[in-house]
């Protein structure tokens, strides 16, 4: 996956450099918007990967982690407001017992790894009425960890790929 992302980002490196003009606030905004989509994936980690090769990867991780955590509030708020659309789905029925039993720890674990199930976990956390501060804290820690992995992968692999093709 990292190699595929590396090749993709390298091929669009000229366009990615345009994001650099916005700096860390731009990274924050891109991560917020990418994570604000519920169920549908958005390519936020690709931007984080690319920005890790331009900016300090740790700064990228913190900016993207904060934006990602705030963006994930859409799923939490959908669940908290009582949106029962997902309550009868198989995925919700598999995640919900874990959320009820382990709470914010499940949020932390699921937000720390790239997976398509996190939106459902956010909705389940909202339905389960996990306190907002616990959801945000767990989500921020997990998102920051995940974004650090992508930022550092970008930091090291873009140079590696550039040297490979010299």
N, C-alpha and C. Protein backbone atom coordinates (compact mmCIF):
# COMPACT_ATOMS: atom_id res chain seq x y z
N UNK A 1 0.83 -1.19 0.00
CA UNK A 1 0.00 0.00 0.00
C UNK A 1 0.87 1.25 0.00
N UNK A 2 1.93 1.24 0.84
CA UNK A 2 2.81 2.40 0.90
C UNK A 2 3.50 2.62 -0.44
N UNK A 3 3.91 1.54 -1.09
CA UNK A 3 4.56 1.68 -2.40
C UNK A 3 3.59 2.25 -3.42
N UNK A 4 2.36 1.79 -3.42
CA UNK A 4 1.35 2.32 -4.34
C UNK A 4 1.08 3.79 -4.10
N UNK A 5 0.95 4.16 -2.84
CA UNK A 5 0.74 5.57 -2.49
C UNK A 5 1.95 6.39 -2.90
N UNK A 6 3.13 5.85 -2.67
CA UNK A 6 4.36 6.56 -3.03
C UNK A 6 4.40 6.87 -4.52
N UNK A 7 4.12 5.87 -5.33
CA UNK A 7 4.14 6.07 -6.78
C UNK A 7 3.09 7.08 -7.20
N UNK A 8 1.90 6.98 -6.63
CA UNK A 8 0.83 7.92 -6.95
C UNK A 8 1.22 9.35 -6.57
N UNK A 9 1.68 9.53 -5.35
CA UNK A 9 2.06 10.87 -4.89
C UNK A 9 3.23 11.41 -5.70
N UNK A 10 4.17 10.56 -6.00
CA UNK A 10 5.31 11.00 -6.81
C UNK A 10 4.85 11.48 -8.18
N UNK A 11 3.85 10.81 -8.73
CA UNK A 11 3.35 11.18 -10.05
C UNK A 11 2.58 12.50 -10.03
N UNK A 12 2.03 12.87 -8.89
CA UNK A 12 1.30 14.13 -8.79
C UNK A 12 2.03 15.14 -7.90
N UNK A 13 3.32 14.96 -7.74
CA UNK A 13 4.07 15.79 -6.79
C UNK A 13 3.96 17.28 -7.10
N UNK A 14 3.82 17.66 -8.35
CA UNK A 14 3.71 19.09 -8.67
C UNK A 14 2.42 19.68 -8.12
N UNK A 15 1.32 18.95 -8.20
CA UNK A 15 0.07 19.43 -7.66
C UNK A 15 0.07 19.41 -6.13
N UNK A 16 0.72 18.43 -5.55
CA UNK A 16 0.77 18.32 -4.09
C UNK A 16 1.53 19.48 -3.50
N UNK A 17 2.54 19.95 -4.21
CA UNK A 17 3.31 21.08 -3.71
C UNK A 17 2.46 22.33 -3.57
N UNK A 18 1.33 22.42 -4.30
CA UNK A 18 0.42 23.55 -4.15
C UNK A 18 -0.19 23.56 -2.75
N UNK A 19 -0.42 22.39 -2.16
CA UNK A 19 -0.94 22.32 -0.79
C UNK A 19 0.06 22.89 0.21
N UNK A 20 1.33 22.82 -0.13
CA UNK A 20 2.36 23.30 0.78
C UNK A 20 2.22 24.79 1.05
N UNK A 21 1.63 25.51 0.13
CA UNK A 21 1.44 26.94 0.32
C UNK A 21 0.54 27.24 1.51
N UNK A 22 -0.32 26.32 1.88
CA UNK A 22 -1.22 26.53 3.00
C UNK A 22 -0.63 26.05 4.33
N UNK A 23 0.45 25.29 4.27
CA UNK A 23 1.14 24.84 5.47
C UNK A 23 0.30 23.93 6.36
N UNK A 24 0.59 24.00 7.63
CA UNK A 24 -0.10 23.14 8.59
C UNK A 24 -1.60 23.41 8.67
N UNK A 25 -2.05 24.68 8.58
CA UNK A 25 -3.51 24.89 8.56
C UNK A 25 -4.18 24.21 7.36
N UNK A 26 -3.49 24.18 6.22
CA UNK A 26 -4.04 23.47 5.06
C UNK A 26 -4.13 21.98 5.30
N UNK A 27 -3.12 21.42 5.94
CA UNK A 27 -3.12 19.99 6.28
C UNK A 27 -4.27 19.70 7.24
N UNK A 28 -4.44 20.56 8.25
CA UNK A 28 -5.54 20.42 9.21
C UNK A 28 -6.87 20.41 8.47
N UNK A 29 -7.07 21.35 7.56
CA UNK A 29 -8.33 21.47 6.83
C UNK A 29 -8.58 20.28 5.93
N UNK A 30 -7.56 19.83 5.22
CA UNK A 30 -7.71 18.67 4.34
C UNK A 30 -8.10 17.44 5.16
N UNK A 31 -7.44 17.23 6.31
CA UNK A 31 -7.76 16.08 7.16
C UNK A 31 -9.17 16.21 7.72
N UNK A 32 -9.56 17.40 8.13
CA UNK A 32 -10.91 17.61 8.65
C UNK A 32 -11.94 17.25 7.59
N UNK A 33 -11.76 17.77 6.38
CA UNK A 33 -12.73 17.50 5.31
C UNK A 33 -12.74 16.03 4.90
N UNK A 34 -11.56 15.41 4.84
CA UNK A 34 -11.48 14.00 4.45
C UNK A 34 -12.17 13.10 5.46
N UNK A 35 -12.10 13.46 6.73
CA UNK A 35 -12.70 12.62 7.77
C UNK A 35 -14.14 13.00 8.07
N UNK A 36 -14.60 14.11 7.54
CA UNK A 36 -15.98 14.52 7.78
C UNK A 36 -16.95 13.74 6.91
N UNK A 37 -16.45 13.02 5.93
CA UNK A 37 -17.34 12.20 5.12
C UNK A 37 -17.73 10.98 5.92
N UNK A 38 -19.00 10.68 5.94
CA UNK A 38 -19.48 9.52 6.67
C UNK A 38 -19.70 8.40 5.67
N UNK A 39 -19.09 7.27 5.92
CA UNK A 39 -19.14 6.05 5.12
C UNK A 39 -18.29 6.16 3.85
N UNK A 40 -18.38 7.24 3.10
CA UNK A 40 -17.63 7.37 1.85
C UNK A 40 -16.19 7.76 2.15
N UNK A 41 -15.22 7.06 1.57
CA UNK A 41 -13.81 7.38 1.84
C UNK A 41 -13.36 8.63 1.08
N UNK A 42 -12.42 9.36 1.67
CA UNK A 42 -11.81 10.52 1.02
C UNK A 42 -10.30 10.35 1.15
N UNK A 43 -9.53 10.89 0.22
CA UNK A 43 -8.09 10.62 0.17
C UNK A 43 -7.23 11.50 1.07
N UNK A 44 -7.60 11.69 2.30
CA UNK A 44 -6.84 12.54 3.21
C UNK A 44 -5.46 12.01 3.54
N UNK A 45 -5.33 10.71 3.71
CA UNK A 45 -4.02 10.15 4.08
C UNK A 45 -3.01 10.30 2.94
N UNK A 46 -3.47 10.37 1.70
CA UNK A 46 -2.55 10.58 0.58
C UNK A 46 -1.91 11.96 0.68
N UNK A 47 -2.71 12.96 1.09
CA UNK A 47 -2.17 14.31 1.27
C UNK A 47 -1.20 14.33 2.44
N UNK A 48 -1.55 13.65 3.52
CA UNK A 48 -0.66 13.58 4.68
C UNK A 48 0.65 12.91 4.29
N UNK A 49 0.56 11.87 3.52
CA UNK A 49 1.74 11.17 3.03
C UNK A 49 2.64 12.13 2.25
N UNK A 50 2.03 12.88 1.35
CA UNK A 50 2.80 13.82 0.54
C UNK A 50 3.36 14.97 1.37
N UNK A 51 2.57 15.49 2.28
CA UNK A 51 3.01 16.61 3.11
C UNK A 51 4.13 16.20 4.06
N UNK A 52 4.16 14.93 4.41
CA UNK A 52 5.26 14.42 5.24
C UNK A 52 6.60 14.54 4.54
N UNK A 53 6.58 14.57 3.21
CA UNK A 53 7.83 14.72 2.48
C UNK A 53 8.24 16.18 2.33
N UNK A 54 7.34 17.10 2.63
CA UNK A 54 7.62 18.53 2.47
C UNK A 54 7.85 19.20 3.82
N UNK A 55 7.00 18.89 4.79
CA UNK A 55 7.06 19.52 6.11
C UNK A 55 7.60 18.54 7.15
N UNK A 56 7.76 19.02 8.36
CA UNK A 56 8.15 18.16 9.48
C UNK A 56 7.05 17.11 9.66
N UNK A 57 7.37 15.83 9.56
CA UNK A 57 6.34 14.78 9.66
C UNK A 57 5.57 14.80 10.99
N UNK A 58 6.24 15.16 12.07
CA UNK A 58 5.55 15.21 13.35
C UNK A 58 4.53 16.35 13.37
N UNK A 59 4.90 17.49 12.82
CA UNK A 59 3.96 18.61 12.71
C UNK A 59 2.78 18.26 11.82
N UNK A 60 3.06 17.56 10.73
CA UNK A 60 2.00 17.09 9.83
C UNK A 60 1.06 16.16 10.58
N UNK A 61 1.63 15.25 11.37
CA UNK A 61 0.81 14.29 12.12
C UNK A 61 -0.10 15.00 13.12
N UNK A 62 0.43 15.99 13.84
CA UNK A 62 -0.39 16.71 14.82
C UNK A 62 -1.49 17.53 14.13
N UNK A 63 -1.16 18.20 13.04
CA UNK A 63 -2.17 18.98 12.32
C UNK A 63 -3.25 18.07 11.74
N UNK A 64 -2.83 17.00 11.10
CA UNK A 64 -3.80 16.08 10.48
C UNK A 64 -4.58 15.30 11.54
N UNK A 65 -3.92 14.95 12.64
CA UNK A 65 -4.62 14.24 13.72
C UNK A 65 -5.72 15.08 14.33
N UNK A 66 -5.43 16.35 14.55
CA UNK A 66 -6.45 17.25 15.12
C UNK A 66 -7.59 17.46 14.13
N UNK A 67 -7.25 17.70 12.86
CA UNK A 67 -8.29 17.88 11.85
C UNK A 67 -9.11 16.62 11.66
N UNK A 68 -8.43 15.48 11.67
CA UNK A 68 -9.14 14.20 11.51
C UNK A 68 -10.09 13.92 12.65
N UNK A 69 -9.65 14.19 13.87
CA UNK A 69 -10.51 13.95 15.04
C UNK A 69 -11.76 14.83 14.99
N UNK A 70 -11.57 16.09 14.64
CA UNK A 70 -12.73 16.99 14.56
C UNK A 70 -13.64 16.57 13.40
N UNK A 71 -13.04 16.15 12.30
CA UNK A 71 -13.84 15.69 11.17
C UNK A 71 -14.67 14.46 11.50
N UNK A 72 -14.15 13.60 12.36
CA UNK A 72 -14.88 12.38 12.74
C UNK A 72 -16.10 12.67 13.60
N UNK A 73 -16.25 13.90 14.05
CA UNK A 73 -17.44 14.26 14.83
C UNK A 73 -18.73 14.08 14.04
N UNK A 74 -18.66 14.08 12.72
CA UNK A 74 -19.88 13.92 11.93
C UNK A 74 -20.55 12.58 12.22
N UNK A 75 -19.77 11.52 12.26
CA UNK A 75 -20.33 10.21 12.58
C UNK A 75 -20.84 10.15 14.01
N UNK A 76 -20.05 10.67 14.94
CA UNK A 76 -20.44 10.67 16.35
C UNK A 76 -21.76 11.43 16.54
N UNK A 77 -21.84 12.61 15.93
CA UNK A 77 -23.05 13.42 16.08
C UNK A 77 -24.25 12.78 15.40
N UNK A 78 -24.02 12.08 14.29
CA UNK A 78 -25.12 11.36 13.63
C UNK A 78 -25.66 10.28 14.57
N UNK A 79 -24.77 9.58 15.24
CA UNK A 79 -25.21 8.56 16.19
C UNK A 79 -25.83 9.17 17.43
N UNK A 80 -25.24 10.23 17.94
CA UNK A 80 -25.73 10.86 19.17
C UNK A 80 -27.13 11.44 18.98
N UNK A 81 -27.40 11.94 17.78
CA UNK A 81 -28.71 12.55 17.52
C UNK A 81 -29.78 11.50 17.28
N UNK A 82 -29.40 10.23 17.32
CA UNK A 82 -30.38 9.17 17.22
C UNK A 82 -30.66 8.68 15.83
N UNK A 83 -29.73 8.88 14.93
CA UNK A 83 -29.91 8.39 13.56
C UNK A 83 -29.90 6.86 13.59
N UNK A 84 -31.05 6.25 13.55
CA UNK A 84 -31.17 4.80 13.67
C UNK A 84 -31.02 4.06 12.37
N UNK A 85 -30.60 4.71 11.31
CA UNK A 85 -30.48 4.08 10.00
C UNK A 85 -29.50 2.91 10.04
N UNK A 86 -28.44 3.02 10.81
CA UNK A 86 -27.40 1.99 10.81
C UNK A 86 -27.61 0.92 11.87
N UNK A 87 -28.54 1.13 12.76
CA UNK A 87 -28.68 0.22 13.90
C UNK A 87 -29.03 -1.21 13.51
N UNK A 88 -29.55 -1.42 12.34
CA UNK A 88 -29.91 -2.78 11.93
C UNK A 88 -28.92 -3.38 10.94
N UNK A 89 -27.79 -2.73 10.74
CA UNK A 89 -26.80 -3.26 9.81
C UNK A 89 -25.89 -4.26 10.52
N UNK A 90 -25.35 -5.18 9.75
CA UNK A 90 -24.47 -6.21 10.32
C UNK A 90 -23.20 -5.60 10.93
N UNK A 91 -22.63 -4.63 10.23
CA UNK A 91 -21.41 -4.00 10.73
C UNK A 91 -21.64 -3.30 12.06
N UNK A 92 -22.74 -2.57 12.16
CA UNK A 92 -23.06 -1.90 13.42
C UNK A 92 -23.24 -2.93 14.54
N UNK A 93 -23.94 -4.00 14.25
CA UNK A 93 -24.18 -5.04 15.26
C UNK A 93 -22.90 -5.75 15.68
N UNK A 94 -21.87 -5.72 14.85
CA UNK A 94 -20.59 -6.33 15.22
C UNK A 94 -19.74 -5.37 16.05
N UNK A 95 -19.80 -4.07 15.72
CA UNK A 95 -18.96 -3.08 16.41
C UNK A 95 -19.58 -2.61 17.72
N UNK A 96 -20.89 -2.48 17.76
CA UNK A 96 -21.56 -1.90 18.93
C UNK A 96 -21.25 -2.62 20.25
N UNK A 97 -21.24 -3.95 20.33
CA UNK A 97 -20.88 -4.58 21.60
C UNK A 97 -19.48 -4.22 22.09
N UNK A 98 -18.55 -4.06 21.16
CA UNK A 98 -17.19 -3.66 21.53
C UNK A 98 -17.18 -2.23 22.08
N UNK A 99 -17.95 -1.36 21.45
CA UNK A 99 -18.04 0.04 21.91
C UNK A 99 -18.65 0.08 23.30
N UNK A 100 -19.71 -0.69 23.50
CA UNK A 100 -20.37 -0.69 24.82
C UNK A 100 -19.46 -1.26 25.90
N UNK A 101 -18.66 -2.27 25.55
CA UNK A 101 -17.82 -2.92 26.55
C UNK A 101 -16.54 -2.15 26.83
N UNK A 102 -15.87 -1.65 25.77
CA UNK A 102 -14.56 -1.03 25.94
C UNK A 102 -14.55 0.48 25.69
N UNK A 103 -15.63 1.03 25.19
CA UNK A 103 -15.77 2.47 25.02
C UNK A 103 -14.70 3.12 24.18
N UNK A 104 -14.06 4.14 24.75
CA UNK A 104 -13.11 4.97 24.02
C UNK A 104 -11.87 4.18 23.57
N UNK A 105 -11.57 3.07 24.22
CA UNK A 105 -10.40 2.27 23.80
C UNK A 105 -10.60 1.71 22.40
N UNK A 106 -11.83 1.34 22.08
CA UNK A 106 -12.12 0.84 20.73
C UNK A 106 -11.98 1.98 19.73
N UNK A 107 -12.44 3.17 20.11
CA UNK A 107 -12.31 4.33 19.25
C UNK A 107 -10.83 4.61 18.97
N UNK A 108 -10.02 4.57 20.00
CA UNK A 108 -8.58 4.81 19.84
C UNK A 108 -7.98 3.77 18.89
N UNK A 109 -8.28 2.52 19.12
CA UNK A 109 -7.70 1.45 18.29
C UNK A 109 -8.16 1.55 16.84
N UNK A 110 -9.45 1.77 16.62
CA UNK A 110 -9.95 1.82 15.25
C UNK A 110 -9.53 3.09 14.52
N UNK A 111 -9.32 4.18 15.25
CA UNK A 111 -8.88 5.40 14.57
C UNK A 111 -7.37 5.38 14.29
N UNK A 112 -6.64 4.49 14.93
CA UNK A 112 -5.19 4.41 14.75
C UNK A 112 -4.79 3.58 13.54
N UNK A 113 -5.71 2.86 12.97
CA UNK A 113 -5.39 2.03 11.81
C UNK A 113 -6.29 2.45 10.64
N UNK A 114 -5.74 2.42 9.44
CA UNK A 114 -6.59 2.73 8.28
C UNK A 114 -7.62 1.62 8.10
N UNK A 115 -8.87 1.98 8.18
CA UNK A 115 -9.93 0.99 7.99
C UNK A 115 -11.22 1.68 7.58
N UNK A 116 -12.06 0.98 6.86
CA UNK A 116 -13.32 1.58 6.42
C UNK A 116 -14.43 1.51 7.48
N UNK A 117 -14.14 0.98 8.66
CA UNK A 117 -15.18 0.77 9.67
C UNK A 117 -15.27 1.89 10.69
N UNK A 118 -14.36 2.85 10.63
CA UNK A 118 -14.34 3.83 11.71
C UNK A 118 -15.58 4.69 11.76
N UNK A 119 -16.15 5.02 10.62
CA UNK A 119 -17.38 5.83 10.64
C UNK A 119 -18.47 5.12 11.42
N UNK A 120 -18.58 3.82 11.23
CA UNK A 120 -19.59 3.05 11.96
C UNK A 120 -19.28 3.04 13.45
N UNK A 121 -18.00 2.99 13.80
CA UNK A 121 -17.62 3.04 15.22
C UNK A 121 -17.97 4.40 15.82
N UNK A 122 -17.77 5.48 15.07
CA UNK A 122 -18.15 6.80 15.54
C UNK A 122 -19.65 6.91 15.76
N UNK A 123 -20.42 6.36 14.83
CA UNK A 123 -21.88 6.37 14.98
C UNK A 123 -22.28 5.55 16.20
N UNK A 124 -21.67 4.38 16.38
CA UNK A 124 -21.97 3.54 17.55
C UNK A 124 -21.59 4.26 18.84
N UNK A 125 -20.47 4.99 18.84
CA UNK A 125 -20.07 5.74 20.03
C UNK A 125 -21.08 6.82 20.35
N UNK A 126 -21.60 7.48 19.33
CA UNK A 126 -22.64 8.50 19.55
C UNK A 126 -23.93 7.90 20.07
N UNK A 127 -24.34 6.79 19.48
CA UNK A 127 -25.56 6.11 19.94
C UNK A 127 -25.38 5.64 21.38
N UNK A 128 -24.19 5.15 21.72
CA UNK A 128 -23.91 4.67 23.07
C UNK A 128 -23.69 5.81 24.07
N UNK A 129 -23.70 7.04 23.58
CA UNK A 129 -23.54 8.24 24.42
C UNK A 129 -22.21 8.26 25.17
N UNK A 130 -21.13 7.79 24.51
CA UNK A 130 -19.80 7.95 25.07
C UNK A 130 -19.58 9.46 25.20
N UNK A 131 -19.05 9.93 26.33
CA UNK A 131 -18.84 11.37 26.48
C UNK A 131 -18.02 11.94 25.33
N UNK A 132 -18.42 13.12 24.87
CA UNK A 132 -17.77 13.75 23.74
C UNK A 132 -16.27 13.91 23.95
N UNK A 133 -15.86 14.31 25.15
CA UNK A 133 -14.43 14.53 25.39
C UNK A 133 -13.65 13.22 25.28
N UNK A 134 -14.25 12.11 25.71
CA UNK A 134 -13.57 10.82 25.59
C UNK A 134 -13.44 10.41 24.12
N UNK A 135 -14.52 10.63 23.37
CA UNK A 135 -14.48 10.31 21.95
C UNK A 135 -13.41 11.13 21.24
N UNK A 136 -13.40 12.45 21.47
CA UNK A 136 -12.43 13.32 20.81
C UNK A 136 -11.00 12.99 21.21
N UNK A 137 -10.76 12.76 22.49
CA UNK A 137 -9.41 12.44 22.95
C UNK A 137 -8.91 11.14 22.33
N UNK A 138 -9.73 10.10 22.40
CA UNK A 138 -9.34 8.80 21.84
C UNK A 138 -9.14 8.91 20.33
N UNK A 139 -10.02 9.60 19.68
CA UNK A 139 -9.93 9.77 18.24
C UNK A 139 -8.69 10.57 17.86
N UNK A 140 -8.40 11.63 18.61
CA UNK A 140 -7.23 12.45 18.32
C UNK A 140 -5.94 11.65 18.49
N UNK A 141 -5.83 10.89 19.57
CA UNK A 141 -4.62 10.08 19.80
C UNK A 141 -4.46 9.06 18.67
N UNK A 142 -5.53 8.36 18.34
CA UNK A 142 -5.47 7.36 17.28
C UNK A 142 -5.18 7.96 15.93
N UNK A 143 -5.86 9.06 15.59
CA UNK A 143 -5.64 9.73 14.31
C UNK A 143 -4.20 10.26 14.20
N UNK A 144 -3.70 10.84 15.28
CA UNK A 144 -2.34 11.38 15.26
C UNK A 144 -1.32 10.27 15.04
N UNK A 145 -1.52 9.13 15.69
CA UNK A 145 -0.64 7.98 15.49
C UNK A 145 -0.67 7.53 14.04
N UNK A 146 -1.88 7.36 13.50
CA UNK A 146 -2.02 6.90 12.11
C UNK A 146 -1.41 7.91 11.14
N UNK A 147 -1.68 9.19 11.36
CA UNK A 147 -1.16 10.21 10.46
C UNK A 147 0.36 10.31 10.56
N UNK A 148 0.91 10.04 11.74
CA UNK A 148 2.38 10.04 11.88
C UNK A 148 2.99 8.92 11.03
N UNK A 149 2.34 7.77 11.02
CA UNK A 149 2.84 6.67 10.19
C UNK A 149 2.87 7.06 8.72
N UNK A 150 1.80 7.68 8.25
CA UNK A 150 1.74 8.09 6.85
C UNK A 150 2.71 9.23 6.55
N UNK A 151 2.81 10.20 7.46
CA UNK A 151 3.71 11.33 7.24
C UNK A 151 5.16 10.87 7.20
N UNK A 152 5.54 10.00 8.13
CA UNK A 152 6.92 9.50 8.12
C UNK A 152 7.18 8.58 6.93
N UNK A 153 6.16 7.83 6.51
CA UNK A 153 6.32 7.01 5.30
C UNK A 153 6.56 7.91 4.10
N UNK A 154 5.84 9.01 4.02
CA UNK A 154 6.06 9.97 2.95
C UNK A 154 7.42 10.62 3.03
N UNK A 155 7.82 10.96 4.24
CA UNK A 155 9.11 11.61 4.47
C UNK A 155 10.26 10.74 3.96
N UNK A 156 10.21 9.45 4.25
CA UNK A 156 11.30 8.56 3.86
C UNK A 156 11.16 8.00 2.45
N UNK A 157 9.95 7.75 1.99
CA UNK A 157 9.81 7.06 0.71
C UNK A 157 9.88 7.97 -0.49
N UNK A 158 9.49 9.23 -0.37
CA UNK A 158 9.59 10.12 -1.53
C UNK A 158 11.05 10.30 -1.92
N UNK A 159 11.92 10.52 -0.94
CA UNK A 159 13.35 10.63 -1.24
C UNK A 159 13.90 9.33 -1.80
N UNK A 160 13.47 8.22 -1.25
CA UNK A 160 13.91 6.92 -1.71
C UNK A 160 13.51 6.70 -3.17
N UNK A 161 12.26 7.05 -3.49
CA UNK A 161 11.78 6.87 -4.85
C UNK A 161 12.50 7.81 -5.81
N UNK A 162 12.73 9.04 -5.39
CA UNK A 162 13.43 10.00 -6.24
C UNK A 162 14.85 9.51 -6.54
N UNK A 163 15.53 8.96 -5.55
CA UNK A 163 16.89 8.43 -5.76
C UNK A 163 16.88 7.17 -6.61
N UNK A 164 15.81 6.42 -6.54
CA UNK A 164 15.70 5.19 -7.31
C UNK A 164 15.65 5.49 -8.81
N UNK A 165 15.00 6.58 -9.16
CA UNK A 165 14.83 6.90 -10.58
C UNK A 165 15.85 7.90 -11.11
N UNK A 166 16.90 8.19 -10.35
CA UNK A 166 17.95 9.11 -10.83
C UNK A 166 18.91 8.38 -11.74
